[in-house]
Amino acid sequence: MDHVLYSDGNTEKITWVIRTGDSKISQMRTHVDLYKDKITALQSKYISLHIGLFWGIGVFLIKNEDTIKIKLDEKSMFDQLTTDLEINDRLIEDRIQFIRQLIKQRKLKIQFELIDTCENLAKENI
């Protein structure tokens, strides 16, 4: 099965959209107190991507060996996820590790694509 995953976040909440064929599922969550108003927007975007992917697997929308096109509107995220750039942010490093772990465990076929912010379907929920 092929999916497209959009995600976004700010200092207060995270959101993601998973599009599969003609179906589109949107989710939004308020940050837990540990993160709310204590993290950067970029950190929040990583949390959103991680939780969105994890949620999609948890509700059995995304299955083992599925193909997922992850659309990113943040160039630094795209660069960090597609190369071995050194990152000096422990929270982001941890999220990247968790994302890669899910991809490996579930044998997902991932394609990252850099998009303009106006194309990010998850932006509508922020």
Protein backbone atom coordinates (compact mmCIF):
# COMPACT_ATOMS: atom_id res chain seq x y z
CA MET A 1 0.00 0.00 0.00
CA ASP A 2 1.19 3.53 -0.78
CA HIS A 3 0.75 6.41 1.65
CA VAL A 4 1.66 10.09 1.81
CA LEU A 5 2.47 11.53 5.25
CA TYR A 6 2.39 15.24 6.04
CA SER A 7 3.21 16.56 9.50
CA ASP A 8 3.59 19.86 11.29
CA GLY A 9 3.98 21.26 14.76
CA ASN A 10 4.49 24.35 16.83
CA THR A 11 5.22 25.04 20.49
CA GLU A 12 1.68 24.07 21.52
CA LYS A 13 0.53 21.22 19.28
CA ILE A 14 1.37 18.64 16.63
CA THR A 15 -0.61 17.41 13.66
CA TRP A 16 -0.30 14.94 10.83
CA VAL A 17 -2.23 13.86 7.75
CA ILE A 18 -1.96 10.45 6.12
CA ARG A 19 -3.30 10.16 2.59
CA THR A 20 -3.91 6.69 1.20
CA GLY A 21 -5.54 6.58 -2.21
CA ASP A 22 -8.70 8.71 -1.97
CA SER A 23 -8.73 8.58 1.83
CA LYS A 24 -7.26 11.32 4.02
CA ILE A 25 -7.01 11.02 7.81
CA SER A 26 -6.03 14.05 9.91
CA GLN A 27 -5.01 14.01 13.56
CA MET A 28 -4.02 16.74 16.00
CA ARG A 29 -2.69 16.58 19.55
CA THR A 30 -1.79 19.20 22.14
CA HIS A 31 1.75 18.77 23.45
CA VAL A 32 2.10 17.13 26.83
CA ASP A 33 3.23 19.47 29.62
CA LEU A 34 6.81 18.25 29.25
CA TYR A 35 6.97 19.85 25.78
CA LYS A 36 4.23 22.50 25.65
CA ASP A 37 5.81 25.93 25.15
CA LYS A 38 9.23 24.46 26.02
CA ILE A 39 10.44 23.24 22.62
CA THR A 40 11.16 24.87 19.28
CA ALA A 41 8.91 24.64 16.25
CA LEU A 42 11.51 22.44 14.54
CA GLN A 43 11.62 20.04 17.49
CA SER A 44 7.83 19.94 17.41
CA LYS A 45 7.86 19.05 13.71
CA TYR A 46 10.10 16.08 14.47
CA ILE A 47 7.81 14.94 17.29
CA SER A 48 4.86 15.24 14.91
CA LEU A 49 6.56 13.15 12.23
CA HIS A 50 7.53 10.48 14.77
CA ILE A 51 4.09 10.31 16.40
CA GLY A 52 2.27 10.46 13.05
CA LEU A 53 4.26 7.51 11.73
CA PHE A 54 3.85 5.61 15.00
CA TRP A 55 0.09 6.36 15.08
CA GLY A 56 -0.34 5.20 11.46
CA ILE A 57 1.30 1.88 12.34
CA GLY A 58 -0.62 1.58 15.60
CA VAL A 59 -4.04 1.92 13.98
CA PHE A 60 -2.99 -0.56 11.25
CA LEU A 61 -3.24 2.02 8.50
CA ILE A 62 0.46 1.61 7.70
CA LYS A 63 1.49 -2.03 7.45
CA ASN A 64 4.82 -3.81 7.14
CA GLU A 65 6.61 -3.16 3.85
CA ASP A 66 4.27 -0.31 2.82
CA THR A 67 5.60 2.62 0.82
CA ILE A 68 5.40 6.05 2.43
CA LYS A 69 6.19 9.34 0.79
CA ILE A 70 7.02 11.74 3.63
CA LYS A 71 6.48 15.33 2.55
CA LEU A 72 8.57 17.84 4.47
CA ASP A 73 8.31 21.63 4.27
CA GLU A 74 11.44 22.23 6.34
CA LYS A 75 14.73 22.06 4.39
CA SER A 76 16.78 21.32 7.52
CA MET A 77 14.57 18.30 8.30
CA PHE A 78 14.88 17.06 4.75
CA ASP A 79 18.67 17.41 4.88
CA GLN A 80 18.94 15.79 8.32
CA LEU A 81 16.74 12.83 7.38
CA THR A 82 18.34 12.15 4.01
CA THR A 83 22.01 12.54 4.94
CA ASP A 84 24.26 11.89 7.91
CA LEU A 85 24.51 15.52 8.99
CA GLU A 86 25.72 16.08 12.51
CA ILE A 87 22.92 17.37 14.71
CA ASN A 88 23.51 19.16 17.97
CA ASP A 89 20.03 18.72 19.41
CA ARG A 90 19.39 15.68 21.59
CA LEU A 91 15.61 15.74 21.13
CA ILE A 92 15.91 15.84 17.34
CA GLU A 93 18.60 13.13 17.36
CA ASP A 94 16.30 10.90 19.43
CA ARG A 95 13.31 11.48 17.13
CA ILE A 96 15.39 10.65 14.05
CA GLN A 97 16.57 7.47 15.75
CA PHE A 98 12.97 6.47 16.60
CA ILE A 99 11.78 7.24 13.05
CA ARG A 100 14.58 5.17 11.51
CA GLN A 101 13.88 2.36 13.97
CA LEU A 102 10.19 2.23 12.94
CA ILE A 103 11.20 2.25 9.27
CA LYS A 104 13.66 -0.61 9.78
CA GLN A 105 11.42 -2.72 12.04
CA ARG A 106 8.44 -2.46 9.69
CA LYS A 107 10.55 -2.69 6.51
CA LEU A 108 8.92 0.46 5.20
CA LYS A 109 9.92 1.92 1.87
CA ILE A 110 10.40 5.62 2.50
CA GLN A 111 10.76 8.51 0.09
CA PHE A 112 11.38 11.99 1.49
CA GLU A 113 10.20 14.93 -0.57
CA LEU A 114 10.80 18.62 0.10
CA ILE A 115 7.67 20.70 -0.50
CA ASP A 116 6.62 24.33 -0.13
CA THR A 117 4.86 25.19 3.12
CA CYS A 118 1.64 25.97 1.21
CA GLU A 119 1.55 22.34 0.02
CA ASN A 120 1.67 20.89 3.54
CA LEU A 121 -1.83 19.52 4.21
CA ALA A 122 -1.09 19.29 7.95
CA LYS A 123 -0.65 23.11 8.14
CA GLU A 124 -4.44 23.42 7.99
CA ASN A 125 -4.68 21.94 11.52
CA ILE A 126 -2.21 24.29 13.23
